Amino acid sequence: MAKFHKEHNGLVVKRDDILIASGYTVLLAFEKADVFIPAPTWVSYAPQTKLADQNVIKLNTNYQDKWRVKPETIKV
């Protein structure tokens, strides 16, 4: 994966910094995190995030944008 991201995305990532796991396992890998969830979404994503004691941030999407999260949707 590190080689893939370097070749395709220009990102320099160490092998030890890559985690491949199911979504819930990834949530448990962090002590505390903000988790962006596009809305509408699958019904279990927010409850799983809360169960993992993470912060849910819903990002509204719409049909016109093909349900994709746009950069301007994420506010810093």
PDB file of N, CA and C in Angstrom:
ATOM      1  N   MET A   1       0.810  -1.195   0.000  1.00  0.00           N
ATOM      2  CA  MET A   1       0.000   0.000   0.000  1.00  0.00           C
ATOM      3  C   MET A   1       0.856   1.263   0.000  1.00  0.00           C
ATOM      4  N   ALA A   2       1.957   1.253   0.713  1.00  0.00           N
ATOM      5  CA  ALA A   2       2.824   2.427   0.757  1.00  0.00           C
ATOM      6  C   ALA A   2       3.349   2.739  -0.645  1.00  0.00           C
ATOM      7  N   LYS A   3       3.751   1.714  -1.365  1.00  0.00           N
ATOM      8  CA  LYS A   3       4.256   1.889  -2.723  1.00  0.00           C
ATOM      9  C   LYS A   3       3.141   2.408  -3.634  1.00  0.00           C
ATOM     10  N   PHE A   4       1.956   1.858  -3.489  1.00  0.00           N
ATOM     11  CA  PHE A   4       0.811   2.290  -4.290  1.00  0.00           C
ATOM     12  C   PHE A   4       0.548   3.778  -4.092  1.00  0.00           C
ATOM     13  N   HIS A   5       0.477   4.224  -2.832  1.00  0.00           N
ATOM     14  CA  HIS A   5       0.172   5.634  -2.553  1.00  0.00           C
ATOM     15  C   HIS A   5       1.289   6.557  -3.029  1.00  0.00           C
ATOM     16  N   LYS A   6       2.515   6.088  -3.005  1.00  0.00           N
ATOM     17  CA  LYS A   6       3.617   6.911  -3.515  1.00  0.00           C
ATOM     18  C   LYS A   6       3.492   7.071  -5.028  1.00  0.00           C
ATOM     19  N   GLU A   7       3.233   5.960  -5.725  1.00  0.00           N
ATOM     20  CA  GLU A   7       3.138   5.993  -7.181  1.00  0.00           C
ATOM     21  C   GLU A   7       1.891   6.721  -7.680  1.00  0.00           C
ATOM     22  N   HIS A   8       0.757   6.516  -7.026  1.00  0.00           N
ATOM     23  CA  HIS A   8      -0.512   7.043  -7.528  1.00  0.00           C
ATOM     24  C   HIS A   8      -0.938   8.371  -6.920  1.00  0.00           C
ATOM     25  N   ASN A   9      -0.491   8.656  -5.713  1.00  0.00           N
ATOM     26  CA  ASN A   9      -0.930   9.875  -5.034  1.00  0.00           C
ATOM     27  C   ASN A   9       0.223  10.804  -4.673  1.00  0.00           C
ATOM     28  N   GLY A  10       1.449  10.353  -4.888  1.00  0.00           N
ATOM     29  CA  GLY A  10       2.596  11.171  -4.521  1.00  0.00           C
ATOM     30  C   GLY A  10       2.778  11.306  -3.023  1.00  0.00           C
ATOM     31  N   LEU A  11       2.204  10.394  -2.255  1.00  0.00           N
ATOM     32  CA  LEU A  11       2.311  10.451  -0.794  1.00  0.00           C
ATOM     33  C   LEU A  11       3.428   9.532  -0.315  1.00  0.00           C
ATOM     34  N   VAL A  12       4.234  10.033   0.585  1.00  0.00           N
ATOM     35  CA  VAL A  12       5.273   9.205   1.184  1.00  0.00           C
ATOM     36  C   VAL A  12       4.734   8.705   2.516  1.00  0.00           C
ATOM     37  N   VAL A  13       4.450   7.415   2.554  1.00  0.00           N
ATOM     38  CA  VAL A  13       3.845   6.788   3.727  1.00  0.00           C
ATOM     39  C   VAL A  13       4.673   5.571   4.108  1.00  0.00           C
ATOM     40  N   LYS A  14       4.919   5.410   5.399  1.00  0.00           N
ATOM     41  CA  LYS A  14       5.638   4.224   5.875  1.00  0.00           C
ATOM     42  C   LYS A  14       4.673   3.048   5.988  1.00  0.00           C
ATOM     43  N   ARG A  15       5.199   1.855   5.768  1.00  0.00           N
ATOM     44  CA  ARG A  15       4.376   0.648   5.911  1.00  0.00           C
ATOM     45  C   ARG A  15       3.735   0.563   7.284  1.00  0.00           C
ATOM     46  N   ASP A  16       4.474   0.956   8.309  1.00  0.00           N
ATOM     47  CA  ASP A  16       3.971   0.860   9.683  1.00  0.00           C
ATOM     48  C   ASP A  16       2.840   1.844   9.966  1.00  0.00           C
ATOM     49  N   ASP A  17       2.625   2.805   9.078  1.00  0.00           N
ATOM     50  CA  ASP A  17       1.576   3.810   9.277  1.00  0.00           C
ATOM     51  C   ASP A  17       0.298   3.488   8.515  1.00  0.00           C
ATOM     52  N   ILE A  18       0.220   2.314   7.927  1.00  0.00           N
ATOM     53  CA  ILE A  18      -0.956   1.920   7.165  1.00  0.00           C
ATOM     54  C   ILE A  18      -1.729   0.859   7.943  1.00  0.00           C
ATOM     55  N   LEU A  19      -3.031   1.078   8.051  1.00  0.00           N
ATOM     56  CA  LEU A  19      -3.909   0.139   8.738  1.00  0.00           C
ATOM     57  C   LEU A  19      -4.992  -0.300   7.763  1.00  0.00           C
ATOM     58  N   ILE A  20      -5.072  -1.586   7.539  1.00  0.00           N
ATOM     59  CA  ILE A  20      -6.124  -2.144   6.690  1.00  0.00           C
ATOM     60  C   ILE A  20      -7.002  -2.999   7.595  1.00  0.00           C
ATOM     61  N   ALA A  21      -8.266  -2.576   7.734  1.00  0.00           N
ATOM     62  CA  ALA A  21      -9.172  -3.266   8.649  1.00  0.00           C
ATOM     63  C   ALA A  21     -10.606  -2.882   8.316  1.00  0.00           C
ATOM     64  N   SER A  22     -11.536  -3.534   8.976  1.00  0.00           N
ATOM     65  CA  SER A  22     -12.939  -3.153   8.814  1.00  0.00           C
ATOM     66  C   SER A  22     -13.160  -1.785   9.437  1.00  0.00           C
ATOM     67  N   GLY A  23     -14.235  -1.129   9.043  1.00  0.00           N
ATOM     68  CA  GLY A  23     -14.514   0.226   9.525  1.00  0.00           C
ATOM     69  C   GLY A  23     -14.546   0.346  11.037  1.00  0.00           C
ATOM     70  N   TYR A  24     -15.231  -0.587  11.700  1.00  0.00           N
ATOM     71  CA  TYR A  24     -15.338  -0.499  13.154  1.00  0.00           C
ATOM     72  C   TYR A  24     -13.976  -0.690  13.815  1.00  0.00           C
ATOM     73  N   THR A  25     -13.161  -1.593  13.291  1.00  0.00           N
ATOM     74  CA  THR A  25     -11.824  -1.816  13.842  1.00  0.00           C
ATOM     75  C   THR A  25     -10.967  -0.567  13.694  1.00  0.00           C
ATOM     76  N   VAL A  26     -11.114   0.116  12.583  1.00  0.00           N
ATOM     77  CA  VAL A  26     -10.376   1.371  12.383  1.00  0.00           C
ATOM     78  C   VAL A  26     -10.799   2.387  13.433  1.00  0.00           C
ATOM     79  N   LEU A  27     -12.101   2.461  13.720  1.00  0.00           N
ATOM     80  CA  LEU A  27     -12.586   3.397  14.742  1.00  0.00           C
ATOM     81  C   LEU A  27     -11.949   3.114  16.100  1.00  0.00           C
ATOM     82  N   LEU A  28     -11.745   1.848  16.409  1.00  0.00           N
ATOM     83  CA  LEU A  28     -11.164   1.474  17.695  1.00  0.00           C
ATOM     84  C   LEU A  28      -9.661   1.700  17.748  1.00  0.00           C
ATOM     85  N   ALA A  29      -9.037   1.920  16.605  1.00  0.00           N
ATOM     86  CA  ALA A  29      -7.588   2.103  16.550  1.00  0.00           C
ATOM     87  C   ALA A  29      -7.152   3.480  17.054  1.00  0.00           C
ATOM     88  N   PHE A  30      -8.099   4.402  17.191  1.00  0.00           N
ATOM     89  CA  PHE A  30      -7.771   5.757  17.622  1.00  0.00           C
ATOM     90  C   PHE A  30      -8.331   6.028  19.008  1.00  0.00           C
ATOM     91  N   GLU A  31      -7.546   6.760  19.819  1.00  0.00           N
ATOM     92  CA  GLU A  31      -8.029   7.118  21.155  1.00  0.00           C
ATOM     93  C   GLU A  31      -9.244   8.020  21.063  1.00  0.00           C
ATOM     94  N   LYS A  32      -9.131   9.079  20.298  1.00  0.00           N
ATOM     95  CA  LYS A  32     -10.244  10.018  20.118  1.00  0.00           C
ATOM     96  C   LYS A  32     -10.112  10.626  18.735  1.00  0.00           C
ATOM     97  N   ALA A  33     -11.211  10.627  17.978  1.00  0.00           N
ATOM     98  CA  ALA A  33     -11.161  11.145  16.625  1.00  0.00           C
ATOM     99  C   ALA A  33     -12.499  11.756  16.234  1.00  0.00           C
ATOM    100  N   ASP A  34     -12.443  12.686  15.303  1.00  0.00           N
ATOM    101  CA  ASP A  34     -13.635  13.189  14.641  1.00  0.00           C
ATOM    102  C   ASP A  34     -13.834  12.331  13.404  1.00  0.00           C
ATOM    103  N   VAL A  35     -15.032  11.789  13.244  1.00  0.00           N
ATOM    104  CA  VAL A  35     -15.320  10.903  12.117  1.00  0.00           C
ATOM    105  C   VAL A  35     -16.360  11.582  11.229  1.00  0.00           C
ATOM    106  N   PHE A  36     -15.966  11.877   9.994  1.00  0.00           N
ATOM    107  CA  PHE A  36     -16.874  12.474   9.025  1.00  0.00           C
ATOM    108  C   PHE A  36     -17.734  11.379   8.401  1.00  0.00           C
ATOM    109  N   ILE A  37     -19.052  11.563   8.472  1.00  0.00           N
ATOM    110  CA  ILE A  37     -19.982  10.601   7.891  1.00  0.00           C
ATOM    111  C   ILE A  37     -20.898  11.354   6.929  1.00  0.00           C
ATOM    112  N   PRO A  38     -20.868  10.982   5.638  1.00  0.00           N
ATOM    113  CA  PRO A  38     -21.783  11.635   4.706  1.00  0.00           C
ATOM    114  C   PRO A  38     -23.228  11.274   5.041  1.00  0.00           C
ATOM    115  N   ALA A  39     -24.126  12.232   4.849  1.00  0.00           N
ATOM    116  CA  ALA A  39     -25.544  11.989   5.105  1.00  0.00           C
ATOM    117  C   ALA A  39     -26.321  12.311   3.831  1.00  0.00           C
ATOM    118  N   PRO A  40     -27.234  11.462   3.411  1.00  0.00           N
ATOM    119  CA  PRO A  40     -27.654  10.241   4.082  1.00  0.00           C
ATOM    120  C   PRO A  40     -26.596   9.141   3.974  1.00  0.00           C
ATOM    121  N   THR A  41     -26.689   8.200   4.885  1.00  0.00           N
ATOM    122  CA  THR A  41     -25.710   7.121   4.930  1.00  0.00           C
ATOM    123  C   THR A  41     -26.339   5.851   5.477  1.00  0.00           C
ATOM    124  N   TRP A  42     -25.552   4.820   5.554  1.00  0.00           N
ATOM    125  CA  TRP A  42     -26.008   3.559   6.123  1.00  0.00           C
ATOM    126  C   TRP A  42     -26.360   3.774   7.590  1.00  0.00           C
ATOM    127  N   VAL A  43     -27.421   3.147   8.063  1.00  0.00           N
ATOM    128  CA  VAL A  43     -27.967   3.426   9.394  1.00  0.00           C
ATOM    129  C   VAL A  43     -27.041   3.081  10.552  1.00  0.00           C
ATOM    130  N   SER A  44     -26.081   2.184  10.362  1.00  0.00           N
ATOM    131  CA  SER A  44     -25.259   1.761  11.504  1.00  0.00           C
ATOM    132  C   SER A  44     -23.968   2.568  11.672  1.00  0.00           C
ATOM    133  N   TYR A  45     -23.610   3.424  10.708  1.00  0.00           N
ATOM    134  CA  TYR A  45     -22.327   4.133  10.798  1.00  0.00           C
ATOM    135  C   TYR A  45     -22.237   5.040  12.030  1.00  0.00           C
ATOM    136  N   ALA A  46     -23.219   5.879  12.254  1.00  0.00           N
ATOM    137  CA  ALA A  46     -23.172   6.790  13.405  1.00  0.00           C
ATOM    138  C   ALA A  46     -23.201   6.029  14.735  1.00  0.00           C
ATOM    139  N   PRO A  47     -24.104   5.044  14.924  1.00  0.00           N
ATOM    140  CA  PRO A  47     -24.088   4.294  16.181  1.00  0.00           C
ATOM    141  C   PRO A  47     -22.769   3.560  16.434  1.00  0.00           C
ATOM    142  N   GLN A  48     -22.162   2.997  15.390  1.00  0.00           N
ATOM    143  CA  GLN A  48     -20.870   2.322  15.555  1.00  0.00           C
ATOM    144  C   GLN A  48     -19.799   3.321  15.974  1.00  0.00           C
ATOM    145  N   THR A  49     -19.844   4.499  15.393  1.00  0.00           N
ATOM    146  CA  THR A  49     -18.872   5.534  15.734  1.00  0.00           C
ATOM    147  C   THR A  49     -19.030   5.945  17.196  1.00  0.00           C
ATOM    148  N   LYS A  50     -20.261   6.139  17.631  1.00  0.00           N
ATOM    149  CA  LYS A  50     -20.518   6.498  19.033  1.00  0.00           C
ATOM    150  C   LYS A  50     -20.131   5.362  19.970  1.00  0.00           C
ATOM    151  N   LEU A  51     -20.402   4.109  19.571  1.00  0.00           N
ATOM    152  CA  LEU A  51     -20.029   2.944  20.370  1.00  0.00           C
ATOM    153  C   LEU A  51     -18.517   2.885  20.567  1.00  0.00           C
ATOM    154  N   ALA A  52     -17.765   3.317  19.565  1.00  0.00           N
ATOM    155  CA  ALA A  52     -16.304   3.347  19.651  1.00  0.00           C
ATOM    156  C   ALA A  52     -15.813   4.608  20.380  1.00  0.00           C
ATOM    157  N   ASP A  53     -16.749   5.382  20.927  1.00  0.00           N
ATOM    158  CA  ASP A  53     -16.454   6.606  21.685  1.00  0.00           C
ATOM    159  C   ASP A  53     -15.729   7.652  20.834  1.00  0.00           C
ATOM    160  N   GLN A  54     -16.152   7.763  19.579  1.00  0.00           N
ATOM    161  CA  GLN A  54     -15.607   8.772  18.679  1.00  0.00           C
ATOM    162  C   GLN A  54     -16.677   9.823  18.412  1.00  0.00           C
ATOM    163  N   ASN A  55     -16.241  10.979  17.917  1.00  0.00           N
ATOM    164  CA  ASN A  55     -17.133  12.098  17.638  1.00  0.00           C
ATOM    165  C   ASN A  55     -17.659  12.009  16.206  1.00  0.00           C
ATOM    166  N   VAL A  56     -18.998  12.029  16.043  1.00  0.00           N
ATOM    167  CA  VAL A  56     -19.631  11.962  14.732  1.00  0.00           C
ATOM    168  C   VAL A  56     -19.837  13.369  14.186  1.00  0.00           C
ATOM    169  N   ILE A  57     -19.382  13.584  12.962  1.00  0.00           N
ATOM    170  CA  ILE A  57     -19.652  14.838  12.256  1.00  0.00           C
ATOM    171  C   ILE A  57     -20.326  14.447  10.946  1.00  0.00           C
ATOM    172  N   LYS A  58     -21.621  14.785  10.821  1.00  0.00           N
ATOM    173  CA  LYS A  58     -22.361  14.450   9.605  1.00  0.00           C
ATOM    174  C   LYS A  58     -22.143  15.536   8.556  1.00  0.00           C
ATOM    175  N   LEU A  59     -21.873  15.100   7.338  1.00  0.00           N
ATOM    176  CA  LEU A  59     -21.685  16.008   6.208  1.00  0.00           C
ATOM    177  C   LEU A  59     -22.829  15.789   5.233  1.00  0.00           C
ATOM    178  N   ASN A  60     -23.642  16.820   5.045  1.00  0.00           N
ATOM    179  CA  ASN A  60     -24.801  16.691   4.173  1.00  0.00           C
ATOM    180  C   ASN A  60     -24.379  16.590   2.713  1.00  0.00           C
ATOM    181  N   THR A  61     -25.004  15.671   2.007  1.00  0.00           N
ATOM    182  CA  THR A  61     -24.789  15.502   0.576  1.00  0.00           C
ATOM    183  C   THR A  61     -26.145  15.608  -0.117  1.00  0.00           C
ATOM    184  N   ASN A  62     -26.127  15.672  -1.450  1.00  0.00           N
ATOM    185  CA  ASN A  62     -27.393  15.769  -2.166  1.00  0.00           C
ATOM    186  C   ASN A  62     -27.318  15.068  -3.521  1.00  0.00           C
ATOM    187  N   TYR A  63     -28.477  14.880  -4.082  1.00  0.00           N
ATOM    188  CA  TYR A  63     -28.607  14.184  -5.359  1.00  0.00           C
ATOM    189  C   TYR A  63     -27.833  14.904  -6.472  1.00  0.00           C
ATOM    190  N   GLN A  64     -27.935  16.247  -6.505  1.00  0.00           N
ATOM    191  CA  GLN A  64     -27.281  17.027  -7.556  1.00  0.00           C
ATOM    192  C   GLN A  64     -25.767  16.794  -7.589  1.00  0.00           C
ATOM    193  N   ASP A  65     -25.177  16.569  -6.445  1.00  0.00           N
ATOM    194  CA  ASP A  65     -23.729  16.313  -6.347  1.00  0.00           C
ATOM    195  C   ASP A  65     -23.415  14.822  -6.353  1.00  0.00           C
ATOM    196  N   LYS A  66     -24.407  14.014  -6.717  1.00  0.00           N
ATOM    197  CA  LYS A  66     -24.268  12.558  -6.772  1.00  0.00           C
ATOM    198  C   LYS A  66     -23.867  11.971  -5.419  1.00  0.00           C
ATOM    199  N   TRP A  67     -24.373  12.605  -4.342  1.00  0.00           N
ATOM    200  CA  TRP A  67     -24.163  12.156  -2.963  1.00  0.00           C
ATOM    201  C   TRP A  67     -22.690  12.219  -2.541  1.00  0.00           C
ATOM    202  N   ARG A  68     -21.887  12.990  -3.246  1.00  0.00           N
ATOM    203  CA  ARG A  68     -20.461  13.106  -2.918  1.00  0.00           C
ATOM    204  C   ARG A  68     -20.224  14.273  -1.973  1.00  0.00           C
ATOM    205  N   VAL A  69     -19.241  14.113  -1.113  1.00  0.00           N
ATOM    206  CA  VAL A  69     -18.833  15.194  -0.217  1.00  0.00           C
ATOM    207  C   VAL A  69     -17.919  16.118  -1.013  1.00  0.00           C
ATOM    208  N   LYS A  70     -18.257  17.398  -1.030  1.00  0.00           N
ATOM    209  CA  LYS A  70     -17.454  18.385  -1.738  1.00  0.00           C
ATOM    210  C   LYS A  70     -16.540  19.086  -0.729  1.00  0.00           C
ATOM    211  N   PRO A  71     -15.401  19.590  -1.198  1.00  0.00           N
ATOM    212  CA  PRO A  71     -14.469  20.264  -0.268  1.00  0.00           C
ATOM    213  C   PRO A  71     -15.133  21.375   0.533  1.00  0.00           C
ATOM    214  N   GLU A  72     -16.023  22.137  -0.090  1.00  0.00           N
ATOM    215  CA  GLU A  72     -16.656  23.248   0.638  1.00  0.00           C
ATOM    216  C   GLU A  72     -17.640  22.770   1.711  1.00  0.00           C
ATOM    217  N   THR A  73     -17.997  21.496   1.677  1.00  0.00           N
ATOM    218  CA  THR A  73     -18.874  20.929   2.704  1.00  0.00           C
ATOM    219  C   THR A  73     -18.130  20.792   4.034  1.00  0.00           C
ATOM    220  N   ILE A  74     -16.827  20.579   3.958  1.00  0.00           N
ATOM    221  CA  ILE A  74     -16.024  20.424   5.159  1.00  0.00           C
ATOM    222  C   ILE A  74     -15.540  21.792   5.616  1.00  0.00           C
ATOM    223  N   LYS A  75     -16.039  22.236   6.742  1.00  0.00           N
ATOM    224  CA  LYS A  75     -15.665  23.543   7.280  1.00  0.00           C
ATOM    225  C   LYS A  75     -14.676  23.370   8.399  1.00  0.00           C
ATOM    226  N   VAL A  76     -13.616  24.142   8.356  1.00  0.00           N
ATOM    227  CA  VAL A  76     -12.579  24.053   9.389  1.00  0.00           C
ATOM    228  C   VAL A  76     -12.913  24.991  10.519  1.00  0.00           C
TER     229      VAL A  76
END
